[in-house]
């Protein structure tokens, strides 16, 4: 098992930046896929970005060129750098770790972008 704890959310004006962190309770080196999802009020949870253990990172079209997913294996932490934030980026952001039949979620961190 792995516990995921997100941090770094908050309130920011449009055009600003935030960096989310997701600390894992064990090594993330062998986790097949690490990702970030978000859920806005009244909407379904959607994929924002993911990083496979082998291969390229992938982003939702709505965040390409603005968001960057990265990881620090030594710190067992996954990051989401968010730049040029827009009001439509307002949501609860969740960290996700998947491997085989396992699928783990963090508790989420709120990001609010004002116009």
Protein backbone atom coordinates (compact mmCIF):
# COMPACT_ATOMS: atom_id res chain seq x y z
CA UNK A 1 0.00 0.00 0.00
CA UNK A 2 0.92 3.64 -0.31
CA UNK A 3 -0.52 6.73 1.35
CA UNK A 4 -0.51 9.96 -0.62
CA UNK A 5 -0.68 13.41 0.96
CA UNK A 6 -1.14 16.50 -1.20
CA UNK A 7 -0.18 20.04 -0.25
CA UNK A 8 0.40 23.39 -1.88
CA UNK A 9 -3.12 24.35 -2.85
CA UNK A 10 -4.53 27.77 -2.16
CA UNK A 11 -6.01 30.94 -3.52
CA UNK A 12 -4.35 32.72 -6.44
CA UNK A 13 -5.27 35.36 -8.97
CA UNK A 14 -5.58 34.54 -12.66
CA UNK A 15 -2.17 34.44 -14.29
CA UNK A 16 -0.48 33.33 -11.10
CA UNK A 17 1.31 30.10 -10.24
CA UNK A 18 1.10 27.34 -7.68
CA UNK A 19 3.15 24.21 -7.10
CA UNK A 20 1.39 21.17 -5.70
CA UNK A 21 3.24 18.41 -3.90
CA UNK A 22 2.23 14.82 -3.26
CA UNK A 23 4.25 12.97 -0.65
CA UNK A 24 4.12 9.19 -0.79
CA UNK A 25 4.56 6.92 2.22
CA UNK A 26 6.97 4.65 0.38
CA UNK A 27 9.28 4.68 -2.61
CA UNK A 28 7.66 5.86 -5.82
CA UNK A 29 10.38 4.37 -8.00
CA UNK A 30 8.46 1.20 -8.80
CA UNK A 31 4.99 2.73 -9.14
CA UNK A 32 3.73 2.21 -12.68
CA UNK A 33 1.91 5.52 -13.11
CA UNK A 34 1.80 8.72 -11.07
CA UNK A 35 -0.73 11.34 -11.89
CA UNK A 36 -2.76 14.37 -10.96
CA UNK A 37 -6.53 14.65 -11.38
CA UNK A 38 -8.95 17.42 -10.53
CA UNK A 39 -12.63 17.77 -9.78
CA UNK A 40 -14.53 21.01 -10.04
CA UNK A 41 -17.90 21.50 -8.32
CA UNK A 42 -20.65 19.68 -10.20
CA UNK A 43 -18.22 18.05 -12.59
CA UNK A 44 -16.59 14.65 -12.92
CA UNK A 45 -13.03 14.04 -11.87
CA UNK A 46 -10.72 14.53 -14.81
CA UNK A 47 -7.13 13.67 -15.62
CA UNK A 48 -4.74 16.60 -15.56
CA UNK A 49 -1.35 14.95 -16.09
CA UNK A 50 0.32 11.60 -15.63
CA UNK A 51 3.82 10.23 -15.62
CA UNK A 52 4.39 6.56 -16.46
CA UNK A 53 7.35 4.76 -14.97
CA UNK A 54 8.65 4.31 -18.49
CA UNK A 55 7.63 6.67 -21.23
CA UNK A 56 6.60 10.24 -21.71
CA UNK A 57 4.44 12.42 -19.55
CA UNK A 58 0.96 13.27 -20.78
CA UNK A 59 -1.26 16.28 -20.20
CA UNK A 60 -4.87 17.22 -20.70
CA UNK A 61 -5.24 19.59 -23.63
CA UNK A 62 -6.57 22.27 -21.30
CA UNK A 63 -3.30 22.44 -19.34
CA UNK A 64 -0.66 21.72 -21.99
CA UNK A 65 2.07 24.33 -21.95
CA UNK A 66 0.99 25.63 -18.54
CA UNK A 67 1.32 22.67 -16.15
CA UNK A 68 4.31 20.40 -15.56
CA UNK A 69 4.35 17.10 -13.68
CA UNK A 70 7.59 15.93 -12.15
CA UNK A 71 8.87 13.64 -9.43
CA UNK A 72 11.72 13.46 -6.95
CA UNK A 73 12.46 9.81 -6.27
CA UNK A 74 14.74 10.63 -3.35
CA UNK A 75 11.92 12.51 -1.61
CA UNK A 76 9.14 10.13 -2.73
CA UNK A 77 7.27 13.16 -3.96
CA UNK A 78 5.35 14.06 -7.11
CA UNK A 79 4.85 17.67 -8.10
CA UNK A 80 2.51 19.65 -10.30
CA UNK A 81 3.80 23.06 -11.30
CA UNK A 82 0.89 25.19 -12.46
CA UNK A 83 1.55 28.44 -14.31
CA UNK A 84 -0.70 30.95 -16.04
CA UNK A 85 -3.61 29.78 -13.93
CA UNK A 86 -7.15 30.47 -15.11
CA UNK A 87 -10.42 30.61 -13.19
CA UNK A 88 -11.45 27.38 -14.92
CA UNK A 89 -8.53 25.63 -13.20
CA UNK A 90 -10.40 26.00 -9.90
CA UNK A 91 -10.92 22.52 -8.48
CA UNK A 92 -9.82 20.02 -5.89
CA UNK A 93 -6.61 18.42 -7.13
CA UNK A 94 -5.89 14.79 -6.33
CA UNK A 95 -2.70 12.81 -6.54
CA UNK A 96 -2.96 9.26 -7.90
CA UNK A 97 -0.69 6.23 -7.94
CA UNK A 98 -1.45 3.12 -9.97
CA UNK A 99 0.27 -0.21 -10.35
CA UNK A 100 -1.16 -3.58 -11.36
CA UNK A 101 -4.52 -3.91 -9.60
CA UNK A 102 -3.71 -1.15 -7.10
CA UNK A 103 -5.06 2.37 -7.34
CA UNK A 104 -4.40 4.94 -4.62
CA UNK A 105 -5.67 8.47 -4.08
CA UNK A 106 -4.71 11.34 -1.86
CA UNK A 107 -7.25 13.39 0.07
CA UNK A 108 -7.07 16.32 -2.34
CA UNK A 109 -6.02 19.94 -2.12
CA UNK A 110 -8.17 22.91 -3.10
CA UNK A 111 -6.99 25.32 -5.79
CA UNK A 112 -9.03 28.47 -6.30
CA UNK A 113 -8.22 30.92 -9.09
CA UNK A 114 -9.92 34.30 -9.04
CA UNK A 115 -10.55 36.39 -12.14
